[in-house]
Amino acid sequence: MKLSFDYACSECGQSFEIKVGLMLCPDCSARKKQEEPLRGVLEVRFQGEVRDNFGPLDLLPVEREYFPDLPVGNTPLWSSGRLCEANRFPGLYIKDDGLNPTGSLKDRASMLVAAFARKHGIGEVVVASTGNAGSSMSGVGAAAGLQVKLFLPKTAPPAKMVQSLQYGAEVILAEKNYDQAFSLSLEYSDLYGGLNRNTAFNPLTIEGKKTVSIEIWQQLRKCPDRVYVSVGDGVILSGVYKGFRDLHQLGLISRVPVIVGVQAEGSDAITRALKTGKFEAKPSLTVADSISVDIPSNGYLALKNLKNYRGCCVTVSDETILEAQKELSSIAGVFAEPASAAAYAGFLKEKIGLDPETVCVILLTGNGLKDVNAASRKLKIPEHTVNSLDELKLST
């Protein structure tokens, strides 16, 4: 098996050699206006054939020898009997990427970025994040022996900040929001160097995330009918599409499944653009911090994928997200963070109109321990202590 790789612009189609420092199409990125998503986002393209027993890493543009020895990927996909019964939907499956080493799907992208840095002798990675990408890059970076400079909005959940600091990252807090953290990180890497890992800006972030789709296909032994994906900046959505598109290119599946992008009502820029055809900046406000963005950096490519492959978007309220989070925990035994549980909330909103035999995969992208404060909003936290069982009101 021998594959060759290059970059292709998602807008004009120009091809480029994969090299250090090239992040966006020079021509298309120059057309970007204020308060709109990135233009000229690059995707990895491959040519060649694969052996029958190939693995997800075989379809990535960095050799296996450069990947740190961290067990990223190969997360479980299963059908929860109780969840299927509760929904009267036997075709329902969970893909739990919250079981990656740092607790989120973002480890898939961080592994490829780390491998690329090691291959090219780069010792520092710079990243902006709402939390998960930062803690992911920090953990994977530690395993790879890399220094990580992390720009977080000051509103990032404390657990994600502590996790990043524990891994040894240097954390810088942006006063305003994720968009400001994103801009500051780009300015830093321009001035001081290092490999920038920002989602969508670095093409490898989309490419690394495609491995989840390849695993879903391998674990199901077929292509699902629908995949529910929580959406913020649109990079995971495009990564999921990329994996299934690659499988289709190889002739291993006959179609790309319907991808349902699920957004919080308070952060729904891609959903609005799918309806209107344009992006309009709007302050985001949602309990699901990992998908809370004002301007989705990967908005144009996400929109292109949704239109080309019959995808759709649904929005869900914060209340519905927290209810879905509690249901996943209490019925299936899976504690997912709010942004992750949003995917299940989207399925719940759509299921009435679906054939119960439809094979649906709920992609859970992050562990609930990432943000316990959000989960506690729907819980009754004990306040009183007892010294003996006599103080309990027990029914007999």
Protein backbone atom coordinates (compact mmCIF):
# COMPACT_ATOMS: atom_id res chain seq x y z
CA MET A 1 0.00 0.00 0.00
CA LYS A 2 1.36 3.39 -0.99
CA LEU A 3 -0.64 6.60 -0.77
CA SER A 4 0.42 10.06 -1.82
CA PHE A 5 -0.98 13.16 -0.12
CA ASP A 6 -1.36 16.85 -0.88
CA TYR A 7 -3.57 19.78 0.10
CA ALA A 8 -6.52 21.00 -1.95
CA CYS A 9 -8.36 24.28 -1.42
CA SER A 10 -11.98 23.63 -0.47
CA GLU A 11 -13.05 26.68 -2.49
CA CYS A 12 -10.96 27.05 -5.67
CA GLY A 13 -9.59 23.50 -5.86
CA GLN A 14 -5.91 24.50 -6.16
CA SER A 15 -3.47 21.83 -5.00
CA PHE A 16 -0.49 22.46 -2.73
CA GLU A 17 2.37 20.47 -1.28
CA ILE A 18 1.90 19.67 2.41
CA LYS A 19 4.56 21.72 4.16
CA VAL A 20 5.25 23.63 7.38
CA GLY A 21 3.65 27.07 7.48
CA LEU A 22 0.98 26.48 4.82
CA MET A 23 -2.41 26.66 6.51
CA LEU A 24 -4.85 28.32 4.08
CA CYS A 25 -5.11 28.83 0.33
CA PRO A 26 -3.16 32.09 -0.26
CA ASP A 27 -5.60 33.34 -2.90
CA CYS A 28 -8.92 32.49 -1.29
CA SER A 29 -7.90 33.42 2.26
CA ALA A 30 -7.12 36.94 1.06
CA ARG A 31 -10.83 37.40 0.34
CA LYS A 32 -11.88 36.94 3.97
CA LYS A 33 -13.92 39.80 5.39
CA GLN A 34 -14.34 40.90 8.97
CA GLU A 35 -16.72 38.78 11.03
CA GLU A 36 -16.96 35.86 8.61
CA PRO A 37 -15.55 32.31 8.69
CA LEU A 38 -12.13 31.46 7.29
CA ARG A 39 -11.80 31.41 3.51
CA GLY A 40 -9.58 29.01 1.61
CA VAL A 41 -9.65 26.18 4.16
CA LEU A 42 -7.42 23.36 2.94
CA GLU A 43 -8.23 19.66 2.99
CA VAL A 44 -5.85 16.72 2.70
CA ARG A 45 -6.29 14.77 -0.50
CA PHE A 46 -4.88 11.31 -1.24
CA GLN A 47 -4.27 9.10 -4.22
CA GLY A 48 -3.62 5.37 -4.25
CA GLU A 49 -5.04 2.13 -2.90
CA VAL A 50 -5.11 0.55 0.56
CA ARG A 51 -4.73 -3.04 1.69
CA ASP A 52 -7.78 -4.94 2.92
CA ASN A 53 -6.84 -4.76 6.61
CA PHE A 54 -5.91 -1.06 6.69
CA GLY A 55 -6.34 1.00 9.85
CA PRO A 56 -7.46 4.64 10.25
CA LEU A 57 -3.86 5.84 10.69
CA ASP A 58 -2.99 4.43 7.27
CA LEU A 59 -5.12 7.14 5.66
CA LEU A 60 -3.28 10.00 7.38
CA PRO A 61 -0.46 12.05 5.79
CA VAL A 62 2.17 11.39 8.49
CA GLU A 63 3.96 8.09 9.01
CA ARG A 64 3.05 6.00 12.06
CA GLU A 65 6.56 6.27 13.54
CA TYR A 66 5.99 9.95 14.43
CA PHE A 67 2.81 9.44 16.45
CA PRO A 68 3.21 9.51 20.25
CA ASP A 69 2.47 6.24 22.02
CA LEU A 70 -0.87 7.35 23.41
CA PRO A 71 -3.96 5.12 22.86
CA VAL A 72 -6.09 7.62 20.93
CA GLY A 73 -9.07 6.33 18.96
CA ASN A 74 -10.58 2.85 18.80
CA THR A 75 -13.29 4.12 21.14
CA PRO A 76 -16.33 1.90 21.69
CA LEU A 77 -19.40 1.90 19.49
CA TRP A 78 -22.34 -0.01 20.93
CA SER A 79 -26.08 -0.26 21.11
CA SER A 80 -27.44 0.40 24.61
CA GLY A 81 -30.37 -1.96 25.12
CA ARG A 82 -32.04 0.31 27.65
CA LEU A 83 -31.62 3.41 25.49
CA CYS A 84 -33.00 1.61 22.43
CA GLU A 85 -35.95 0.37 24.49
CA ALA A 86 -36.64 3.81 25.96
CA ASN A 87 -36.70 5.31 22.47
CA ARG A 88 -38.33 2.29 20.79
CA PHE A 89 -35.52 2.56 18.28
CA PRO A 90 -33.51 -0.64 17.76
CA GLY A 91 -31.19 0.99 15.22
CA LEU A 92 -29.65 3.43 17.75
CA TYR A 93 -25.89 3.33 18.44
CA ILE A 94 -23.50 5.37 20.59
CA LYS A 95 -19.93 6.20 19.57
CA ASP A 96 -18.28 7.44 22.76
CA ASP A 97 -15.23 9.55 22.00
CA GLY A 98 -15.28 10.91 25.52
CA LEU A 99 -13.22 7.80 26.32
CA ASN A 100 -10.14 9.12 24.52
CA PRO A 101 -7.13 9.80 26.80
CA THR A 102 -7.95 13.46 27.52
CA GLY A 103 -11.70 12.91 27.39
CA SER A 104 -12.65 14.22 23.96
CA LEU A 105 -12.68 13.54 20.23
CA LYS A 106 -10.18 16.40 19.81
CA ASP A 107 -7.39 13.93 20.65
CA ARG A 108 -7.69 12.61 17.10
CA ALA A 109 -6.68 15.98 15.65
CA SER A 110 -4.04 16.61 18.32
CA MET A 111 -2.34 13.29 17.57
CA LEU A 112 -1.91 14.17 13.89
CA VAL A 113 -0.71 17.70 14.70
CA ALA A 114 1.79 16.30 17.22
CA ALA A 115 3.05 13.73 14.71
CA PHE A 116 3.49 16.44 12.07
CA ALA A 117 5.42 18.62 14.56
CA ARG A 118 7.72 15.73 15.49
CA LYS A 119 8.34 14.82 11.86
CA HIS A 120 9.44 18.39 11.11
CA GLY A 121 11.40 19.03 14.32
CA ILE A 122 8.96 21.62 15.74
CA GLY A 123 9.05 21.83 19.54
CA GLU A 124 6.10 24.13 20.34
CA VAL A 125 2.42 24.02 19.42
CA VAL A 126 0.15 27.07 19.78
CA VAL A 127 -3.60 26.67 20.10
CA ALA A 128 -6.76 28.62 20.89
CA SER A 129 -9.66 26.72 22.38
CA THR A 130 -12.93 26.87 24.28
CA GLY A 131 -11.38 24.13 26.39
CA ASN A 132 -11.35 20.66 24.82
CA ALA A 133 -8.92 21.31 21.95
CA GLY A 134 -6.58 22.98 24.43
CA SER A 135 -6.65 20.23 27.04
CA SER A 136 -6.35 17.67 24.24
CA MET A 137 -3.31 19.32 22.67
CA SER A 138 -1.80 19.76 26.13
CA GLY A 139 -2.15 16.06 26.98
CA VAL A 140 -1.08 14.73 23.60
CA GLY A 141 1.70 17.33 23.53
CA ALA A 142 2.98 16.05 26.88
CA ALA A 143 3.07 12.50 25.52
CA ALA A 144 4.92 13.76 22.42
CA GLY A 145 7.42 15.89 24.33
CA LEU A 146 6.09 19.18 22.94
CA GLN A 147 5.61 22.56 24.59
CA VAL A 148 2.04 23.86 24.34
CA LYS A 149 0.97 27.50 24.44
CA LEU A 150 -2.78 27.65 25.06
CA PHE A 151 -5.08 30.66 24.61
CA LEU A 152 -8.41 30.24 26.41
CA PRO A 153 -11.38 32.58 26.85
CA LYS A 154 -11.68 33.53 30.50
CA THR A 155 -15.08 31.79 30.58
CA ALA A 156 -13.58 28.34 29.86
CA PRO A 157 -14.72 25.68 32.38
CA PRO A 158 -12.21 25.43 35.26
CA ALA A 159 -11.88 21.66 34.83
CA LYS A 160 -10.56 22.07 31.29
CA MET A 161 -8.10 24.76 32.37
CA VAL A 162 -6.85 22.66 35.29
CA GLN A 163 -6.49 19.66 32.99
CA SER A 164 -4.33 21.68 30.58
CA LEU A 165 -2.17 23.07 33.37
CA GLN A 166 -1.73 19.58 34.81
CA TYR A 167 -0.35 18.43 31.45
CA GLY A 168 2.19 21.26 31.57
CA ALA A 169 0.71 23.76 29.10
CA GLU A 170 1.23 27.50 29.49
CA VAL A 171 -2.25 29.01 29.64
CA ILE A 172 -3.09 32.58 28.58
CA LEU A 173 -6.62 33.87 29.22
CA ALA A 174 -8.33 36.07 26.63
CA GLU A 175 -10.50 38.78 28.16
CA LYS A 176 -13.43 38.44 25.76
CA ASN A 177 -14.30 35.19 23.97
CA TYR A 178 -13.03 32.31 21.83
CA ASP A 179 -12.81 34.50 18.74
CA GLN A 180 -10.40 36.82 20.56
CA ALA A 181 -8.37 33.83 21.81
CA PHE A 182 -8.19 32.58 18.22
CA SER A 183 -6.87 35.93 16.96
CA LEU A 184 -4.31 36.23 19.75
CA SER A 185 -2.96 32.75 19.08
CA LEU A 186 -2.48 33.54 15.39
CA GLU A 187 -0.69 36.74 16.28
CA TYR A 188 1.56 34.86 18.71
CA SER A 189 2.54 32.15 16.21
CA ASP A 190 3.21 34.81 13.55
CA LEU A 191 5.54 36.69 15.90
CA TYR A 192 7.22 33.88 17.82
CA GLY A 193 6.83 30.73 15.72
CA GLY A 194 5.58 27.32 16.73
CA LEU A 195 3.03 25.17 14.93
CA ASN A 196 -0.48 26.62 15.18
CA ARG A 197 -3.12 23.95 15.85
CA ASN A 198 -6.23 26.15 15.61
CA THR A 199 -9.23 24.28 14.29
CA ALA A 200 -10.00 24.80 10.59
CA PHE A 201 -6.94 27.08 10.27
CA ASN A 202 -4.66 24.02 10.48
CA PRO A 203 -5.85 21.51 7.84
CA LEU A 204 -4.64 18.60 9.95
CA THR A 205 -7.37 19.24 12.53
CA ILE A 206 -10.06 18.24 10.03
CA GLU A 207 -7.96 15.36 8.71
CA GLY A 208 -7.26 13.89 12.15
CA LYS A 209 -10.92 13.88 13.10
CA LYS A 210 -11.93 11.85 10.05
CA THR A 211 -10.65 8.70 11.76
CA VAL A 212 -13.84 8.53 13.85
CA SER A 213 -15.89 7.89 10.69
CA ILE A 214 -13.54 5.15 9.53
CA GLU A 215 -13.88 3.48 12.93
CA ILE A 216 -17.69 3.73 12.83
CA TRP A 217 -17.70 1.99 9.45
CA GLN A 218 -15.28 -0.69 10.61
CA GLN A 219 -17.13 -1.33 13.88
CA LEU A 220 -20.62 -1.42 12.32
CA ARG A 221 -19.27 -3.34 9.32
CA LYS A 222 -21.48 -1.12 7.19
CA CYS A 223 -22.30 2.52 6.60
CA PRO A 224 -24.86 4.00 9.03
CA ASP A 225 -27.92 5.82 7.71
CA ARG A 226 -27.59 8.89 9.91
CA VAL A 227 -24.86 10.31 12.16
CA TYR A 228 -25.69 12.98 14.74
CA VAL A 229 -22.86 15.43 15.41
CA SER A 230 -22.83 18.43 17.73
CA VAL A 231 -21.60 21.52 15.87
CA GLY A 232 -19.81 24.69 16.93
CA ASP A 233 -17.13 25.86 14.50
CA GLY A 234 -17.90 23.04 12.06
CA VAL A 235 -14.56 21.22 12.15
CA ILE A 236 -15.79 17.95 13.69
CA LEU A 237 -18.68 17.99 11.22
CA SER A 238 -16.26 18.38 8.30
CA GLY A 239 -13.95 15.74 9.77
CA VAL A 240 -16.83 13.26 9.97
CA TYR A 241 -17.72 14.04 6.37
CA LYS A 242 -14.08 13.67 5.30
CA GLY A 243 -13.82 10.16 6.70
CA PHE A 244 -16.93 8.94 4.90
CA ARG A 245 -15.91 10.76 1.71
CA ASP A 246 -12.55 8.96 1.79
CA LEU A 247 -14.28 5.61 2.25
CA HIS A 248 -16.50 6.43 -0.70
CA GLN A 249 -13.46 7.39 -2.79
CA LEU A 250 -11.93 4.00 -2.02
CA GLY A 251 -15.11 2.27 -3.14
CA LEU A 252 -15.76 0.82 0.33
CA ILE A 253 -19.17 2.47 0.79
CA SER A 254 -21.75 3.31 -1.85
CA ARG A 255 -22.90 6.56 -0.29
CA VAL A 256 -22.06 9.12 2.38
CA PRO A 257 -24.57 8.88 5.26
CA VAL A 258 -26.85 11.73 6.21
CA ILE A 259 -24.97 13.85 8.72
CA VAL A 260 -27.18 15.80 11.12
CA GLY A 261 -25.44 18.82 12.58
CA VAL A 262 -26.89 19.69 15.98
CA GLN A 263 -26.45 23.21 17.31
CA ALA A 264 -27.51 24.96 20.49
CA GLU A 265 -30.23 27.55 19.89
CA GLY A 266 -27.89 30.15 21.37
CA SER A 267 -25.04 29.30 18.99
CA ASP A 268 -26.56 28.41 15.62
CA ALA A 269 -24.57 30.28 12.97
CA ILE A 270 -24.19 27.30 10.61
CA THR A 271 -27.88 26.39 10.89
CA ARG A 272 -28.86 29.96 10.01
CA ALA A 273 -26.41 30.07 7.11
CA LEU A 274 -27.77 26.80 5.72
CA LYS A 275 -31.15 28.53 5.45
CA THR A 276 -30.06 32.01 4.34
CA GLY A 277 -26.84 31.28 2.44
CA LYS A 278 -24.79 33.76 4.44
CA PHE A 279 -23.08 34.08 7.81
CA GLU A 280 -24.06 36.82 10.21
CA ALA A 281 -22.13 37.44 13.42
CA LYS A 282 -24.25 36.97 16.52
CA PRO A 283 -23.06 36.69 20.13
CA SER A 284 -23.36 33.08 21.29
CA LEU A 285 -24.81 32.05 24.62
CA THR A 286 -25.28 28.41 25.58
CA VAL A 287 -24.57 26.00 28.41
CA ALA A 288 -22.73 23.86 25.85
CA ASP A 289 -19.43 25.74 25.98
CA SER A 290 -17.58 23.48 23.53
CA ILE A 291 -19.94 24.43 20.70
CA SER A 292 -20.34 28.08 21.68
CA VAL A 293 -18.87 30.28 18.92
CA ASP A 294 -19.93 33.60 17.44
CA ILE A 295 -18.28 33.07 14.04
CA PRO A 296 -17.70 29.41 13.04
CA SER A 297 -14.15 29.26 11.70
CA ASN A 298 -14.95 26.33 9.42
CA GLY A 299 -18.36 27.60 8.43
CA TYR A 300 -17.94 27.65 4.66
CA LEU A 301 -16.57 24.10 4.37
CA ALA A 302 -19.21 22.79 6.79
CA LEU A 303 -21.91 24.42 4.67
CA LYS A 304 -20.43 22.97 1.46
CA ASN A 305 -20.44 19.45 2.92
CA LEU A 306 -24.00 19.73 4.20
CA LYS A 307 -25.26 20.91 0.82
CA ASN A 308 -23.29 18.41 -1.28
CA TYR A 309 -24.22 15.34 0.76
CA ARG A 310 -27.87 15.94 1.76
CA GLY A 311 -26.98 16.90 5.33
CA CYS A 312 -29.17 18.96 7.62
CA CYS A 313 -29.05 20.92 10.85
CA VAL A 314 -31.31 21.05 13.89
CA THR A 315 -31.19 23.33 16.90
CA VAL A 316 -31.90 22.37 20.50
CA SER A 317 -32.46 24.45 23.61
CA ASP A 318 -30.12 24.43 26.61
CA GLU A 319 -32.92 22.85 28.65
CA THR A 320 -33.23 20.04 26.11
CA ILE A 321 -29.45 19.53 26.08
CA LEU A 322 -29.33 19.12 29.86
CA GLU A 323 -32.30 16.75 29.78
CA ALA A 324 -30.56 14.67 27.10
CA GLN A 325 -27.37 14.66 29.19
CA LYS A 326 -29.29 13.32 32.20
CA GLU A 327 -31.07 10.70 30.08
CA LEU A 328 -27.81 9.39 28.62
CA SER A 329 -26.40 9.08 32.13
CA SER A 330 -29.39 7.54 33.88
CA ILE A 331 -30.41 5.14 31.11
CA ALA A 332 -27.22 4.26 29.22
CA GLY A 333 -24.65 4.94 31.95
CA VAL A 334 -22.77 7.47 29.81
CA PHE A 335 -21.78 10.84 31.28
CA ALA A 336 -21.35 13.25 28.37
CA GLU A 337 -20.63 16.96 28.58
CA PRO A 338 -23.45 19.28 27.37
CA ALA A 339 -21.91 19.91 23.93
CA SER A 340 -21.63 16.16 23.48
CA ALA A 341 -25.16 15.44 24.73
CA ALA A 342 -26.48 17.97 22.21
CA ALA A 343 -26.09 15.28 19.52
CA TYR A 344 -28.47 13.01 21.41
CA ALA A 345 -30.86 15.91 21.96
CA GLY A 346 -30.90 16.38 18.18
CA PHE A 347 -31.79 12.72 17.68
CA LEU A 348 -34.63 13.01 20.21
CA LYS A 349 -36.01 15.98 18.28
CA GLU A 350 -35.93 14.07 14.98
CA LYS A 351 -36.78 10.49 15.92
CA ILE A 352 -40.57 10.77 15.55
CA GLY A 353 -40.17 11.19 11.81
CA LEU A 354 -37.70 8.32 11.39
CA ASP A 355 -38.14 4.63 10.70
CA PRO A 356 -37.05 2.87 13.95
CA GLU A 357 -34.94 0.49 11.87
CA THR A 358 -32.85 3.42 10.59
CA VAL A 359 -29.25 2.93 11.74
CA CYS A 360 -28.43 6.09 13.68
CA VAL A 361 -25.11 6.81 15.38
CA ILE A 362 -24.90 9.40 18.15
CA LEU A 363 -21.36 10.75 18.19
CA LEU A 364 -20.47 11.74 21.75
CA THR A 365 -17.50 14.08 21.61
CA GLY A 366 -16.60 14.84 25.23
CA ASN A 367 -16.74 13.44 28.76
CA GLY A 368 -19.13 14.94 31.31
CA LEU A 369 -16.36 15.44 33.86
CA LYS A 370 -15.14 18.27 31.62
CA ASP A 371 -17.87 20.54 32.99
CA VAL A 372 -19.64 19.26 36.11
CA ASN A 373 -21.06 22.69 36.91
CA ALA A 374 -23.29 22.55 33.84
CA ALA A 375 -24.55 19.07 34.69
CA SER A 376 -25.38 20.10 38.26
CA ARG A 377 -28.04 22.52 37.00
CA LYS A 378 -30.44 19.60 36.47
CA LEU A 379 -29.52 17.77 39.66
CA LYS A 380 -30.61 18.05 43.27
CA ILE A 381 -27.32 18.26 45.14
CA PRO A 382 -27.51 16.99 48.76
CA GLU A 383 -27.04 19.78 51.29
CA HIS A 384 -27.66 18.13 54.64
CA THR A 385 -25.48 15.64 56.48
CA VAL A 386 -26.57 12.79 58.74
CA ASN A 387 -25.00 11.01 61.68
CA SER A 388 -27.21 7.91 61.67
CA LEU A 389 -29.79 6.12 59.55
CA ASP A 390 -32.44 7.20 62.07
CA GLU A 391 -32.29 10.65 60.52
CA LEU A 392 -33.30 9.33 57.09
CA LYS A 393 -36.92 9.15 56.04
CA LEU A 394 -36.93 5.58 54.73
CA SER A 395 -40.03 3.91 53.37
CA THR A 396 -40.71 0.41 54.69
